[in-house]
Amino acid sequence: MRRLLAPVLLGLLAAAAACGGPRTAPTGTLDRYAAALKSKNYDAAYDLMSSSFRAQVSKDEFVRMMRDNPREVSDTASRLTGRKSKIEVTAELTYGIGDTLQLVHESGGWRIARNPLAFYDQSTPRDALRSFLRAYRLGRWDIMLRFVPKSYAALMNVDKMKTQFAGERKQEMAELMNMLEANIAEPIDEQGNEARMRYGAGFEVKFVREDGRWRLRDLD
């Protein structure tokens, strides 16, 4: 049940946000969903799911899941019916090379909820890789130095970084960076302060976390 509960709720909230005015639609949709669960009207509950959810989960599968987990369904209905917290309607835009921008509905309009100026985030291995690629695309050799592990930092400077990526091996490095960007969504195995991402034909990016920030130890 837990494996499917998250997509069920996400599908429901997507449908809620898409229907009518953002101030009233979510609460109304949640009330109807809770009532449908309480009365075991799973067809009606399914009709409240988003089109993207219904494209992934058939009505028969949805109904079967609900019938196979009566305690969880009853608990969900009770929690939704007895909720007291304020509902916050949010939206998330994905753009560029997997960048996201979250918006929240406030005072009758949409507002950006995250810092749009955080161009070079290093809080996760994937954020670090995405930021490194952005710095490379923009020729920010100085920024790229932020992603060099401490053990290599003394050997690198802005001129050496530029030579490495824009010198005689420019074409080779461009192909490598293009391949990295094309595979940026590949799974990342994170173990403590180290992580790795396999991509392409036997290539691997290695990450290391130092002082709370992820850096790139090896690209290939």
Protein backbone atom coordinates (compact mmCIF):
# COMPACT_ATOMS: atom_id res chain seq x y z
CA MET A 1 0.00 0.00 0.00
CA ARG A 2 2.77 2.43 0.87
CA ARG A 3 4.35 1.97 -2.57
CA LEU A 4 1.14 3.05 -4.29
CA LEU A 5 -0.21 5.52 -1.73
CA ALA A 6 2.21 8.31 -2.68
CA PRO A 7 1.30 8.32 -6.41
CA VAL A 8 -2.38 8.08 -5.48
CA LEU A 9 -2.17 11.22 -3.35
CA LEU A 10 -0.02 13.01 -5.92
CA GLY A 11 -2.50 12.16 -8.63
CA LEU A 12 -5.34 13.40 -6.48
CA LEU A 13 -3.61 16.68 -5.64
CA ALA A 14 -2.78 17.24 -9.30
CA ALA A 15 -6.45 16.85 -10.15
CA ALA A 16 -7.41 19.13 -7.27
CA ALA A 17 -5.08 21.88 -8.40
CA ALA A 18 -6.33 21.66 -11.97
CA CYS A 19 -10.03 22.01 -11.17
CA GLY A 20 -11.56 25.44 -10.70
CA GLY A 21 -10.19 28.24 -8.55
CA PRO A 22 -7.08 27.44 -6.52
CA ARG A 23 -8.58 28.69 -3.25
CA THR A 24 -11.55 26.32 -3.05
CA ALA A 25 -10.97 23.46 -5.48
CA PRO A 26 -8.38 21.50 -3.46
CA THR A 27 -10.50 21.32 -0.31
CA GLY A 28 -13.62 20.42 -2.28
CA THR A 29 -11.81 17.69 -4.17
CA LEU A 30 -10.31 16.27 -1.00
CA ASP A 31 -13.72 16.27 0.70
CA ARG A 32 -15.26 14.37 -2.22
CA TYR A 33 -12.35 11.94 -2.29
CA ALA A 34 -12.62 11.26 1.46
CA ALA A 35 -16.38 10.73 1.14
CA ALA A 36 -15.86 8.32 -1.76
CA LEU A 37 -13.34 6.30 0.23
CA LYS A 38 -15.57 6.25 3.31
CA SER A 39 -18.53 4.96 1.29
CA LYS A 40 -16.28 2.54 -0.64
CA ASN A 41 -17.28 4.21 -3.90
CA TYR A 42 -13.89 3.58 -5.49
CA ASP A 43 -15.12 4.36 -9.01
CA ALA A 44 -15.93 7.90 -7.85
CA ALA A 45 -12.57 8.15 -6.09
CA TYR A 46 -10.79 7.07 -9.28
CA ASP A 47 -12.63 9.73 -11.28
CA LEU A 48 -11.02 12.36 -9.04
CA MET A 49 -7.52 11.24 -10.02
CA SER A 50 -5.49 13.20 -12.56
CA SER A 51 -5.30 12.09 -16.19
CA SER A 52 -1.58 11.34 -15.83
CA PHE A 53 -2.30 9.03 -12.88
CA ARG A 54 -5.12 7.28 -14.74
CA ALA A 55 -2.77 6.73 -17.67
CA GLN A 56 -0.45 4.78 -15.36
CA VAL A 57 -2.96 3.01 -13.12
CA SER A 58 -6.12 1.41 -14.49
CA LYS A 59 -9.44 1.68 -12.68
CA ASP A 60 -9.43 -2.06 -12.02
CA GLU A 61 -5.97 -1.86 -10.44
CA PHE A 62 -6.98 1.16 -8.38
CA VAL A 63 -10.16 -0.51 -7.09
CA ARG A 64 -8.30 -3.73 -6.34
CA MET A 65 -5.65 -1.84 -4.40
CA MET A 66 -8.31 -0.09 -2.33
CA ARG A 67 -10.21 -3.30 -1.59
CA ASP A 68 -7.02 -5.13 -0.63
CA ASN A 69 -6.10 -2.46 1.92
CA PRO A 70 -9.31 -1.58 3.82
CA ARG A 71 -7.58 -0.42 7.00
CA GLU A 72 -5.29 1.97 5.17
CA VAL A 73 -8.15 3.31 3.07
CA SER A 74 -10.31 3.88 6.15
CA ASP A 75 -7.43 5.61 7.93
CA THR A 76 -6.78 7.85 4.91
CA ALA A 77 -10.46 8.82 4.73
CA SER A 78 -10.55 9.62 8.45
CA ARG A 79 -7.39 11.72 8.29
CA LEU A 80 -8.63 13.67 5.28
CA THR A 81 -12.03 14.25 6.87
CA GLY A 82 -10.52 15.41 10.16
CA ARG A 83 -7.76 17.57 8.70
CA LYS A 84 -7.30 21.00 10.28
CA SER A 85 -4.18 22.26 8.53
CA LYS A 86 -4.28 24.85 5.79
CA ILE A 87 -3.83 23.52 2.26
CA GLU A 88 -0.99 25.06 0.29
CA VAL A 89 -1.30 24.80 -3.49
CA THR A 90 2.06 24.53 -5.23
CA ALA A 91 3.36 24.01 -8.75
CA GLU A 92 6.77 22.94 -9.97
CA LEU A 93 8.33 23.80 -13.32
CA THR A 94 11.07 21.61 -14.78
CA TYR A 95 13.32 23.30 -17.32
CA GLY A 96 16.86 23.37 -18.68
CA ILE A 97 18.92 20.33 -17.68
CA GLY A 98 16.58 19.13 -14.98
CA ASP A 99 16.37 22.41 -13.07
CA THR A 100 13.19 22.98 -11.09
CA LEU A 101 11.41 26.09 -9.92
CA GLN A 102 8.67 25.81 -7.29
CA LEU A 103 5.75 28.22 -7.15
CA VAL A 104 3.18 28.70 -4.39
CA HIS A 105 -0.27 30.28 -4.57
CA GLU A 106 -0.51 33.31 -2.27
CA SER A 107 -2.93 36.23 -2.04
CA GLY A 108 -4.71 35.33 -5.26
CA GLY A 109 -1.59 34.90 -7.37
CA TRP A 110 1.39 32.62 -7.99
CA ARG A 111 4.74 33.44 -6.38
CA ILE A 112 8.16 31.84 -6.82
CA ALA A 113 8.93 29.86 -3.67
CA ARG A 114 12.59 28.98 -4.19
CA ASN A 115 15.64 31.12 -4.76
CA PRO A 116 15.93 31.47 -8.57
CA LEU A 117 19.46 32.84 -8.17
CA ALA A 118 20.89 29.61 -6.75
CA PHE A 119 22.62 28.86 -10.04
CA TYR A 120 25.35 26.61 -8.69
CA ASP A 121 23.81 24.40 -6.02
CA GLN A 122 25.98 21.64 -4.53
CA SER A 123 23.56 20.24 -1.95
CA THR A 124 23.19 16.87 -3.73
CA PRO A 125 25.41 14.96 -6.19
CA ARG A 126 22.97 15.61 -9.03
CA ASP A 127 22.74 19.31 -8.15
CA ALA A 128 26.53 19.48 -8.23
CA LEU A 129 26.70 17.80 -11.63
CA ARG A 130 23.99 20.04 -13.04
CA SER A 131 25.74 23.14 -11.69
CA PHE A 132 29.10 21.99 -13.07
CA LEU A 133 27.57 21.55 -16.52
CA ARG A 134 25.98 25.00 -16.34
CA ALA A 135 29.30 26.59 -15.39
CA TYR A 136 30.98 24.78 -18.29
CA ARG A 137 28.34 25.92 -20.80
CA LEU A 138 28.78 29.52 -19.67
CA GLY A 139 32.57 29.38 -19.62
CA ARG A 140 32.67 30.09 -15.88
CA TRP A 141 36.05 28.47 -15.25
CA ASP A 142 36.24 30.23 -11.88
CA ILE A 143 32.96 28.66 -10.79
CA MET A 144 34.09 25.23 -11.98
CA LEU A 145 36.90 25.40 -9.42
CA ARG A 146 34.26 25.10 -6.68
CA PHE A 147 33.65 21.51 -7.77
CA VAL A 148 37.29 20.41 -7.51
CA PRO A 149 37.97 18.21 -4.44
CA LYS A 150 40.41 19.60 -1.89
CA SER A 151 43.00 16.98 -2.77
CA TYR A 152 43.22 18.43 -6.29
CA ALA A 153 42.55 22.09 -5.51
CA ALA A 154 46.23 23.05 -5.14
CA LEU A 155 46.90 21.77 -8.66
CA MET A 156 44.14 23.78 -10.33
CA ASN A 157 43.47 27.42 -11.10
CA VAL A 158 41.28 29.33 -13.54
CA ASP A 159 43.80 29.19 -16.40
CA LYS A 160 44.39 25.45 -15.97
CA MET A 161 40.66 24.80 -15.85
CA LYS A 162 40.15 26.77 -19.06
CA THR A 163 43.01 24.95 -20.76
CA GLN A 164 41.61 21.58 -19.73
CA PHE A 165 38.15 22.26 -21.15
CA ALA A 166 38.78 24.81 -23.90
CA GLY A 167 42.33 24.01 -24.98
CA GLU A 168 43.66 21.33 -27.32
CA ARG A 169 41.20 18.75 -25.95
CA LYS A 170 38.23 21.09 -26.42
CA GLN A 171 36.34 18.77 -28.79
CA GLU A 172 36.97 15.70 -26.65
CA MET A 173 35.78 17.49 -23.53
CA ALA A 174 32.73 18.87 -25.35
CA GLU A 175 31.71 15.34 -26.33
CA LEU A 176 32.17 14.17 -22.75
CA MET A 177 30.09 17.03 -21.37
CA ASN A 178 27.37 16.43 -23.96
CA MET A 179 27.23 12.78 -22.92
CA LEU A 180 27.03 13.76 -19.26
CA GLU A 181 24.17 16.15 -19.95
CA ALA A 182 22.31 13.51 -21.96
CA ASN A 183 22.59 11.08 -19.03
CA ILE A 184 22.05 13.50 -16.16
CA ALA A 185 18.94 11.62 -14.97
CA GLU A 186 20.80 8.31 -14.51
CA PRO A 187 20.59 6.76 -11.01
CA ILE A 188 23.17 7.95 -8.48
CA ASP A 189 24.44 5.56 -5.82
CA GLU A 190 25.13 7.61 -2.68
CA GLN A 191 27.09 6.06 0.19
CA GLY A 192 27.94 8.45 3.02
CA ASN A 193 30.24 11.16 1.69
CA GLU A 194 30.81 9.45 -1.63
CA ALA A 195 28.58 8.86 -4.64
CA ARG A 196 28.83 7.57 -8.17
CA MET A 197 26.77 7.69 -11.34
CA ARG A 198 27.31 5.23 -14.18
CA TYR A 199 26.52 6.50 -17.67
CA GLY A 200 27.21 5.78 -21.32
CA ALA A 201 29.34 2.79 -22.29
CA GLY A 202 31.15 2.05 -19.05
CA PHE A 203 31.71 5.64 -17.90
CA GLU A 204 31.28 6.76 -14.31
CA VAL A 205 31.14 10.07 -12.44
CA LYS A 206 32.53 9.97 -8.90
CA PHE A 207 31.47 12.49 -6.28
CA VAL A 208 32.79 13.38 -2.85
CA ARG A 209 31.15 15.54 -0.17
CA GLU A 210 33.42 18.00 1.59
CA ASP A 211 32.28 20.64 4.09
CA GLY A 212 28.66 19.81 3.25
CA ARG A 213 29.08 20.40 -0.50
CA TRP A 214 29.33 17.82 -3.24
CA ARG A 215 32.30 17.98 -5.61
CA LEU A 216 33.27 15.98 -8.69
CA ARG A 217 36.24 13.69 -8.20
CA ASP A 218 36.20 12.06 -11.63
CA LEU A 219 34.09 12.45 -14.78
CA ASP A 220 35.02 9.32 -16.70
